[in-house]
């Protein structure tokens, strides 16, 4: 009989424990997301994060293509000296300074007349990304067999036409995994946009924290959302890589 009462007491204790855990979980969930529709902070934060990351990535790819083409053509022909010199300074400065500092300088000095902080963030992160993407694409261009260039030249194409029509498409296809990693890295780097007062995902969590004084739910929620976005993007880029590989075999 004593064993029965001990077993009953044990199960009651377990039940009370999980009941307390559930109550604590629900209270944290309610204060973080449901009370006063605070989930809207996170929804707006996700939207701003994706807008900045996608806009900056597209801008970074465009900048990276231009810089990489100029550098490769300069190395092969010895021309475009001034442009190559300018781009060398650009990549050195951007890669040698923290992105947070670049963001603050851009918002408070360079683009001081632009009130839209999201736009400033897109421009700044795009310029920052361009310096890294340029090296990625340049490596992809150098990896294309030199015979491709010679074939284009033998068909009467100029150096620039050969680069644009033959070499560059192959280079971008080759460096797609690296570009995907750059986009994922940029997505996480946008968390510092909160320095400009933009309600990105991280900033949304901080706003909720200031209302609930609960560190657990806001920050864990942010981490989970970032993780899910990165996992989704990784899956998407793997699908694209697989599709390109199938087209090559075809």
C-alpha atoms as a PDB file:
ATOM      1  CA  UNK A   1       0.000   0.000   0.000  1.00  0.00           C
ATOM      2  CA  UNK A   2       2.823   2.382   0.841  1.00  0.00           C
ATOM      3  CA  UNK A   3       4.298   1.669  -2.586  1.00  0.00           C
ATOM      4  CA  UNK A   4       0.991   2.591  -4.196  1.00  0.00           C
ATOM      5  CA  UNK A   5       0.882   5.934  -2.391  1.00  0.00           C
ATOM      6  CA  UNK A   6       4.498   6.628  -3.311  1.00  0.00           C
ATOM      7  CA  UNK A   7       3.788   5.883  -6.960  1.00  0.00           C
ATOM      8  CA  UNK A   8       0.681   8.084  -6.894  1.00  0.00           C
ATOM      9  CA  UNK A   9       2.642  10.908  -5.295  1.00  0.00           C
ATOM     10  CA  UNK A  10       5.363  10.551  -7.923  1.00  0.00           C
ATOM     11  CA  UNK A  11       2.884  10.855 -10.801  1.00  0.00           C
ATOM     12  CA  UNK A  12       1.177  13.788  -9.112  1.00  0.00           C
ATOM     13  CA  UNK A  13       4.532  15.535  -8.801  1.00  0.00           C
ATOM     14  CA  UNK A  14       5.308  14.887 -12.448  1.00  0.00           C
ATOM     15  CA  UNK A  15       1.881  16.166 -13.455  1.00  0.00           C
ATOM     16  CA  UNK A  16       2.308  19.331 -11.385  1.00  0.00           C
ATOM     17  CA  UNK A  17       5.778  19.904 -12.823  1.00  0.00           C
ATOM     18  CA  UNK A  18       4.656  19.686 -16.444  1.00  0.00           C
ATOM     19  CA  UNK A  19       1.597  21.740 -15.575  1.00  0.00           C
ATOM     20  CA  UNK A  20       3.845  24.498 -14.223  1.00  0.00           C
ATOM     21  CA  UNK A  21       6.082  24.253 -17.302  1.00  0.00           C
ATOM     22  CA  UNK A  22       3.079  24.564 -19.599  1.00  0.00           C
ATOM     23  CA  UNK A  23       1.682  27.519 -17.658  1.00  0.00           C
ATOM     24  CA  UNK A  24       5.068  29.258 -17.816  1.00  0.00           C
ATOM     25  CA  UNK A  25       5.356  28.509 -21.531  1.00  0.00           C
ATOM     26  CA  UNK A  26       1.877  29.805 -22.301  1.00  0.00           C
ATOM     27  CA  UNK A  27       2.410  32.936 -20.218  1.00  0.00           C
ATOM     28  CA  UNK A  28       5.652  33.707 -22.068  1.00  0.00           C
ATOM     29  CA  UNK A  29       4.055  32.965 -25.442  1.00  0.00           C
ATOM     30  CA  UNK A  30       1.070  35.163 -24.633  1.00  0.00           C
ATOM     31  CA  UNK A  31       3.150  38.123 -23.439  1.00  0.00           C
ATOM     32  CA  UNK A  32       5.531  37.857 -26.418  1.00  0.00           C
ATOM     33  CA  UNK A  33       3.116  37.299 -29.293  1.00  0.00           C
ATOM     34  CA  UNK A  34      -0.561  37.574 -28.373  1.00  0.00           C
ATOM     35  CA  UNK A  35      -0.836  40.460 -25.929  1.00  0.00           C
ATOM     36  CA  UNK A  36      -1.516  43.756 -27.743  1.00  0.00           C
ATOM     37  CA  UNK A  37      -0.899  41.954 -31.065  1.00  0.00           C
ATOM     38  CA  UNK A  38       2.856  41.979 -30.506  1.00  0.00           C
ATOM     39  CA  UNK A  39       3.244  39.326 -33.219  1.00  0.00           C
ATOM     40  CA  UNK A  40       2.907  42.229 -35.655  1.00  0.00           C
ATOM     41  CA  UNK A  41       6.318  43.503 -34.512  1.00  0.00           C
ATOM     42  CA  UNK A  42       7.895  40.204 -35.581  1.00  0.00           C
ATOM     43  CA  UNK A  43       5.963  40.095 -38.856  1.00  0.00           C
ATOM     44  CA  UNK A  44       7.150  43.596 -39.740  1.00  0.00           C
ATOM     45  CA  UNK A  45      10.668  42.642 -38.674  1.00  0.00           C
ATOM     46  CA  UNK A  46      10.715  39.590 -40.954  1.00  0.00           C
ATOM     47  CA  UNK A  47       9.424  41.693 -43.845  1.00  0.00           C
ATOM     48  CA  UNK A  48      12.086  44.395 -43.401  1.00  0.00           C
ATOM     49  CA  UNK A  49      14.821  41.796 -42.955  1.00  0.00           C
ATOM     50  CA  UNK A  50      13.914  40.036 -46.211  1.00  0.00           C
ATOM     51  CA  UNK A  51      13.502  43.305 -48.146  1.00  0.00           C
ATOM     52  CA  UNK A  52      16.931  44.525 -47.085  1.00  0.00           C
ATOM     53  CA  UNK A  53      18.635  41.164 -47.644  1.00  0.00           C
ATOM     54  CA  UNK A  54      17.117  40.569 -51.105  1.00  0.00           C
ATOM     55  CA  UNK A  55      17.637  44.157 -52.281  1.00  0.00           C
ATOM     56  CA  UNK A  56      21.218  44.251 -51.015  1.00  0.00           C
ATOM     57  CA  UNK A  57      22.035  40.872 -52.568  1.00  0.00           C
ATOM     58  CA  UNK A  58      20.777  41.913 -56.006  1.00  0.00           C
ATOM     59  CA  UNK A  59      22.713  45.167 -55.758  1.00  0.00           C
ATOM     60  CA  UNK A  60      25.804  43.328 -54.547  1.00  0.00           C
ATOM     61  CA  UNK A  61      25.659  40.896 -57.477  1.00  0.00           C
ATOM     62  CA  UNK A  62      25.403  43.745 -59.995  1.00  0.00           C
ATOM     63  CA  UNK A  63      28.331  45.568 -58.399  1.00  0.00           C
ATOM     64  CA  UNK A  64      30.298  42.341 -58.132  1.00  0.00           C
ATOM     65  CA  UNK A  65      29.801  41.499 -61.810  1.00  0.00           C
ATOM     66  CA  UNK A  66      31.001  44.920 -62.944  1.00  0.00           C
ATOM     67  CA  UNK A  67      34.057  44.879 -60.691  1.00  0.00           C
ATOM     68  CA  UNK A  68      35.045  41.308 -61.528  1.00  0.00           C
ATOM     69  CA  UNK A  69      34.729  41.885 -65.286  1.00  0.00           C
ATOM     70  CA  UNK A  70      36.830  45.054 -65.081  1.00  0.00           C
ATOM     71  CA  UNK A  71      39.522  43.313 -63.043  1.00  0.00           C
ATOM     72  CA  UNK A  72      39.692  40.301 -65.346  1.00  0.00           C
ATOM     73  CA  UNK A  73      39.768  42.419 -68.512  1.00  0.00           C
ATOM     74  CA  UNK A  74      42.453  44.639 -66.987  1.00  0.00           C
ATOM     75  CA  UNK A  75      44.550  41.594 -66.126  1.00  0.00           C
ATOM     76  CA  UNK A  76      44.234  40.235 -69.673  1.00  0.00           C
ATOM     77  CA  UNK A  77      44.498  43.433 -71.717  1.00  0.00           C
ATOM     78  CA  UNK A  78      46.217  45.944 -69.458  1.00  0.00           C
ATOM     79  CA  UNK A  79      43.421  48.436 -70.154  1.00  0.00           C
ATOM     80  CA  UNK A  80      40.837  49.992 -67.789  1.00  0.00           C
ATOM     81  CA  UNK A  81      43.646  51.069 -65.475  1.00  0.00           C
ATOM     82  CA  UNK A  82      41.746  53.873 -63.748  1.00  0.00           C
ATOM     83  CA  UNK A  83      38.623  51.796 -63.172  1.00  0.00           C
ATOM     84  CA  UNK A  84      40.686  48.905 -61.868  1.00  0.00           C
ATOM     85  CA  UNK A  85      42.509  51.261 -59.487  1.00  0.00           C
ATOM     86  CA  UNK A  86      39.217  52.700 -58.199  1.00  0.00           C
ATOM     87  CA  UNK A  87      37.755  49.250 -57.645  1.00  0.00           C
ATOM     88  CA  UNK A  88      40.874  48.063 -55.845  1.00  0.00           C
ATOM     89  CA  UNK A  89      40.524  50.949 -53.383  1.00  0.00           C
ATOM     90  CA  UNK A  90      36.801  50.221 -53.024  1.00  0.00           C
ATOM     91  CA  UNK A  91      37.257  46.534 -52.198  1.00  0.00           C
ATOM     92  CA  UNK A  92      40.128  47.285 -49.808  1.00  0.00           C
ATOM     93  CA  UNK A  93      38.130  49.877 -47.855  1.00  0.00           C
ATOM     94  CA  UNK A  94      34.892  47.893 -47.731  1.00  0.00           C
ATOM     95  CA  UNK A  95      36.508  44.603 -46.759  1.00  0.00           C
ATOM     96  CA  UNK A  96      38.753  46.319 -44.216  1.00  0.00           C
ATOM     97  CA  UNK A  97      36.062  48.099 -42.170  1.00  0.00           C
ATOM     98  CA  UNK A  98      33.162  46.715 -40.073  1.00  0.00           C
ATOM     99  CA  UNK A  99      29.738  46.730 -41.710  1.00  0.00           C
ATOM    100  CA  UNK A 100      28.213  48.361 -38.616  1.00  0.00           C
ATOM    101  CA  UNK A 101      30.581  51.303 -39.005  1.00  0.00           C
ATOM    102  CA  UNK A 102      29.776  51.534 -42.713  1.00  0.00           C
ATOM    103  CA  UNK A 103      26.077  51.579 -41.870  1.00  0.00           C
ATOM    104  CA  UNK A 104      26.439  54.373 -39.320  1.00  0.00           C
ATOM    105  CA  UNK A 105      28.620  56.489 -41.636  1.00  0.00           C
ATOM    106  CA  UNK A 106      26.229  55.967 -44.554  1.00  0.00           C
ATOM    107  CA  UNK A 107      23.148  56.955 -42.548  1.00  0.00           C
ATOM    108  CA  UNK A 108      24.613  59.887 -40.617  1.00  0.00           C
ATOM    109  CA  UNK A 109      27.051  61.322 -43.183  1.00  0.00           C
ATOM    110  CA  UNK A 110      26.810  60.092 -46.769  1.00  0.00           C
ATOM    111  CA  UNK A 111      23.031  59.616 -47.109  1.00  0.00           C
ATOM    112  CA  UNK A 112      21.991  62.049 -44.406  1.00  0.00           C
ATOM    113  CA  UNK A 113      19.277  63.518 -46.655  1.00  0.00           C
ATOM    114  CA  UNK A 114      17.609  60.113 -47.154  1.00  0.00           C
ATOM    115  CA  UNK A 115      15.029  59.598 -44.418  1.00  0.00           C
ATOM    116  CA  UNK A 116      14.188  56.029 -45.422  1.00  0.00           C
ATOM    117  CA  UNK A 117      16.508  53.934 -43.239  1.00  0.00           C
ATOM    118  CA  UNK A 118      15.508  50.726 -45.034  1.00  0.00           C
ATOM    119  CA  UNK A 119      16.711  52.199 -48.339  1.00  0.00           C
ATOM    120  CA  UNK A 120      19.972  53.289 -46.714  1.00  0.00           C
ATOM    121  CA  UNK A 121      20.362  49.769 -45.372  1.00  0.00           C
ATOM    122  CA  UNK A 122      19.831  48.223 -48.809  1.00  0.00           C
ATOM    123  CA  UNK A 123      22.398  50.553 -50.379  1.00  0.00           C
ATOM    124  CA  UNK A 124      24.974  50.079 -47.616  1.00  0.00           C
ATOM    125  CA  UNK A 125      24.663  46.311 -47.404  1.00  0.00           C
ATOM    126  CA  UNK A 126      24.622  46.131 -51.209  1.00  0.00           C
ATOM    127  CA  UNK A 127      27.866  48.085 -51.440  1.00  0.00           C
ATOM    128  CA  UNK A 128      29.374  45.906 -48.729  1.00  0.00           C
ATOM    129  CA  UNK A 129      28.246  42.702 -50.409  1.00  0.00           C
ATOM    130  CA  UNK A 130      29.539  43.846 -53.799  1.00  0.00           C
ATOM    131  CA  UNK A 131      33.120  43.839 -52.555  1.00  0.00           C
ATOM    132  CA  UNK A 132      32.868  40.175 -51.570  1.00  0.00           C
ATOM    133  CA  UNK A 133      30.741  39.057 -54.513  1.00  0.00           C
ATOM    134  CA  UNK A 134      33.272  40.578 -56.915  1.00  0.00           C
ATOM    135  CA  UNK A 135      35.949  38.180 -55.680  1.00  0.00           C
ATOM    136  CA  UNK A 136      33.533  35.242 -55.850  1.00  0.00           C
ATOM    137  CA  UNK A 137      32.599  35.979 -59.452  1.00  0.00           C
ATOM    138  CA  UNK A 138      36.191  36.770 -60.428  1.00  0.00           C
ATOM    139  CA  UNK A 139      37.202  33.338 -59.160  1.00  0.00           C
ATOM    140  CA  UNK A 140      34.366  31.831 -61.192  1.00  0.00           C
ATOM    141  CA  UNK A 141      35.519  33.646 -64.332  1.00  0.00           C
ATOM    142  CA  UNK A 142      39.100  32.483 -63.857  1.00  0.00           C
ATOM    143  CA  UNK A 143      37.825  28.902 -63.447  1.00  0.00           C
ATOM    144  CA  UNK A 144      36.218  28.886 -66.919  1.00  0.00           C
ATOM    145  CA  UNK A 145      38.438  27.080 -69.407  1.00  0.00           C
ATOM    146  CA  UNK A 146      40.535  29.465 -71.487  1.00  0.00           C
ATOM    147  CA  UNK A 147      39.404  27.571 -74.567  1.00  0.00           C
ATOM    148  CA  UNK A 148      35.960  29.123 -74.155  1.00  0.00           C
ATOM    149  CA  UNK A 149      37.453  32.577 -74.548  1.00  0.00           C
ATOM    150  CA  UNK A 150      39.555  31.520 -77.521  1.00  0.00           C
ATOM    151  CA  UNK A 151      36.481  29.985 -79.181  1.00  0.00           C
ATOM    152  CA  UNK A 152      34.553  33.228 -78.762  1.00  0.00           C
ATOM    153  CA  UNK A 153      37.402  35.282 -80.144  1.00  0.00           C
ATOM    154  CA  UNK A 154      37.749  32.944 -83.123  1.00  0.00           C
ATOM    155  CA  UNK A 155      34.073  33.565 -83.935  1.00  0.00           C
ATOM    156  CA  UNK A 156      34.762  37.272 -84.239  1.00  0.00           C
ATOM    157  CA  UNK A 157      33.467  38.360 -80.844  1.00  0.00           C
ATOM    158  CA  UNK A 158      35.208  41.167 -79.020  1.00  0.00           C
ATOM    159  CA  UNK A 159      36.825  40.657 -75.632  1.00  0.00           C
ATOM    160  CA  UNK A 160      33.815  42.208 -73.902  1.00  0.00           C
ATOM    161  CA  UNK A 161      31.269  40.240 -75.972  1.00  0.00           C
ATOM    162  CA  UNK A 162      33.082  36.987 -75.242  1.00  0.00           C
ATOM    163  CA  UNK A 163      33.036  37.814 -71.552  1.00  0.00           C
ATOM    164  CA  UNK A 164      29.338  38.759 -71.540  1.00  0.00           C
ATOM    165  CA  UNK A 165      27.959  36.012 -73.755  1.00  0.00           C
ATOM    166  CA  UNK A 166      30.209  33.023 -73.076  1.00  0.00           C
ATOM    167  CA  UNK A 167      32.374  33.317 -69.971  1.00  0.00           C
ATOM    168  CA  UNK A 168      30.164  35.200 -67.506  1.00  0.00           C
ATOM    169  CA  UNK A 169      27.082  32.904 -67.719  1.00  0.00           C
ATOM    170  CA  UNK A 170      29.279  29.863 -67.038  1.00  0.00           C
ATOM    171  CA  UNK A 171      31.068  31.644 -64.195  1.00  0.00           C
ATOM    172  CA  UNK A 172      27.837  32.618 -62.433  1.00  0.00           C
ATOM    173  CA  UNK A 173      26.537  29.063 -62.730  1.00  0.00           C
ATOM    174  CA  UNK A 174      29.770  27.759 -61.196  1.00  0.00           C
ATOM    175  CA  UNK A 175      29.701  30.140 -58.238  1.00  0.00           C
ATOM    176  CA  UNK A 176      25.984  29.782 -57.456  1.00  0.00           C
ATOM    177  CA  UNK A 177      26.671  27.879 -54.181  1.00  0.00           C
ATOM    178  CA  UNK A 178      29.026  30.654 -53.039  1.00  0.00           C
ATOM    179  CA  UNK A 179      26.464  33.307 -53.983  1.00  0.00           C
ATOM    180  CA  UNK A 180      23.870  31.404 -51.982  1.00  0.00           C
ATOM    181  CA  UNK A 181      26.161  31.420 -48.952  1.00  0.00           C
ATOM    182  CA  UNK A 182      26.721  35.145 -49.412  1.00  0.00           C
ATOM    183  CA  UNK A 183      22.970  35.767 -49.396  1.00  0.00           C
ATOM    184  CA  UNK A 184      22.526  33.701 -46.234  1.00  0.00           C
ATOM    185  CA  UNK A 185      25.400  35.551 -44.537  1.00  0.00           C
ATOM    186  CA  UNK A 186      23.916  38.872 -45.602  1.00  0.00           C
ATOM    187  CA  UNK A 187      20.516  37.867 -44.228  1.00  0.00           C
ATOM    188  CA  UNK A 188      22.069  37.406 -40.792  1.00  0.00           C
ATOM    189  CA  UNK A 189      24.231  40.524 -41.056  1.00  0.00           C
ATOM    190  CA  UNK A 190      21.124  42.681 -41.496  1.00  0.00           C
ATOM    191  CA  UNK A 191      20.468  42.219 -37.774  1.00  0.00           C
ATOM    192  CA  UNK A 192      22.641  45.311 -37.174  1.00  0.00           C
ATOM    193  CA  UNK A 193      20.201  47.535 -39.110  1.00  0.00           C
ATOM    194  CA  UNK A 194      18.560  48.146 -35.747  1.00  0.00           C
ATOM    195  CA  UNK A 195      21.277  50.753 -35.134  1.00  0.00           C
ATOM    196  CA  UNK A 196      19.319  52.951 -37.558  1.00  0.00           C
ATOM    197  CA  UNK A 197      16.040  52.349 -35.750  1.00  0.00           C
ATOM    198  CA  UNK A 198      14.680  49.982 -38.405  1.00  0.00           C
ATOM    199  CA  UNK A 199      12.313  47.368 -37.018  1.00  0.00           C
ATOM    200  CA  UNK A 200      14.057  44.290 -38.360  1.00  0.00           C
ATOM    201  CA  UNK A 201      13.643  40.864 -36.788  1.00  0.00           C
ATOM    202  CA  UNK A 202      16.232  41.431 -34.050  1.00  0.00           C
ATOM    203  CA  UNK A 203      14.901  44.885 -33.274  1.00  0.00           C
ATOM    204  CA  UNK A 204      11.381  43.455 -33.004  1.00  0.00           C
ATOM    205  CA  UNK A 205      12.559  41.053 -30.323  1.00  0.00           C
ATOM    206  CA  UNK A 206      14.226  43.881 -28.436  1.00  0.00           C
ATOM    207  CA  UNK A 207      11.034  45.950 -28.559  1.00  0.00           C
ATOM    208  CA  UNK A 208       9.025  43.086 -27.109  1.00  0.00           C
ATOM    209  CA  UNK A 209      11.718  42.482 -24.493  1.00  0.00           C
ATOM    210  CA  UNK A 210      11.404  46.077 -23.324  1.00  0.00           C
ATOM    211  CA  UNK A 211       7.698  45.432 -22.703  1.00  0.00           C
ATOM    212  CA  UNK A 212       7.858  41.969 -21.125  1.00  0.00           C
ATOM    213  CA  UNK A 213      11.280  41.987 -19.431  1.00  0.00           C
ATOM    214  CA  UNK A 214      11.501  38.356 -20.533  1.00  0.00           C
ATOM    215  CA  UNK A 215      14.719  37.425 -22.357  1.00  0.00           C
ATOM    216  CA  UNK A 216      13.768  33.838 -23.088  1.00  0.00           C
ATOM    217  CA  UNK A 217      10.853  34.010 -25.476  1.00  0.00           C
ATOM    218  CA  UNK A 218      11.811  37.011 -27.654  1.00  0.00           C
ATOM    219  CA  UNK A 219      15.403  35.924 -28.290  1.00  0.00           C
ATOM    220  CA  UNK A 220      14.652  32.219 -28.667  1.00  0.00           C
ATOM    221  CA  UNK A 221      11.880  33.119 -31.105  1.00  0.00           C
ATOM    222  CA  UNK A 222      14.258  35.283 -33.138  1.00  0.00           C
ATOM    223  CA  UNK A 223      16.826  32.495 -33.257  1.00  0.00           C
ATOM    224  CA  UNK A 224      14.210  29.975 -34.417  1.00  0.00           C
ATOM    225  CA  UNK A 225      12.922  32.273 -37.167  1.00  0.00           C
ATOM    226  CA  UNK A 226      16.444  32.975 -38.455  1.00  0.00           C
ATOM    227  CA  UNK A 227      17.206  29.259 -38.372  1.00  0.00           C
ATOM    228  CA  UNK A 228      14.048  28.399 -40.322  1.00  0.00           C
ATOM    229  CA  UNK A 229      14.783  31.072 -42.944  1.00  0.00           C
ATOM    230  CA  UNK A 230      18.357  29.874 -43.384  1.00  0.00           C
ATOM    231  CA  UNK A 231      17.257  26.247 -43.634  1.00  0.00           C
ATOM    232  CA  UNK A 232      14.638  27.180 -46.231  1.00  0.00           C
ATOM    233  CA  UNK A 233      17.113  29.185 -48.280  1.00  0.00           C
ATOM    234  CA  UNK A 234      19.713  26.421 -48.090  1.00  0.00           C
ATOM    235  CA  UNK A 235      17.141  23.956 -49.385  1.00  0.00           C
ATOM    236  CA  UNK A 236      16.181  26.344 -52.196  1.00  0.00           C
ATOM    237  CA  UNK A 237      19.780  26.844 -53.325  1.00  0.00           C
ATOM    238  CA  UNK A 238      20.422  23.093 -53.259  1.00  0.00           C
ATOM    239  CA  UNK A 239      17.401  22.624 -55.524  1.00  0.00           C
ATOM    240  CA  UNK A 240      18.763  25.262 -57.913  1.00  0.00           C
ATOM    241  CA  UNK A 241      22.181  23.599 -57.927  1.00  0.00           C
ATOM    242  CA  UNK A 242      20.566  20.261 -58.676  1.00  0.00           C
ATOM    243  CA  UNK A 243      18.535  21.793 -61.507  1.00  0.00           C
ATOM    244  CA  UNK A 244      21.634  23.358 -63.074  1.00  0.00           C
ATOM    245  CA  UNK A 245      23.541  20.079 -62.728  1.00  0.00           C
ATOM    246  CA  UNK A 246      20.744  18.237 -64.532  1.00  0.00           C
ATOM    247  CA  UNK A 247      20.723  20.822 -67.330  1.00  0.00           C
ATOM    248  CA  UNK A 248      24.490  20.410 -67.747  1.00  0.00           C
ATOM    249  CA  UNK A 249      24.128  16.634 -68.046  1.00  0.00           C
ATOM    250  CA  UNK A 250      21.288  17.131 -70.503  1.00  0.00           C
END
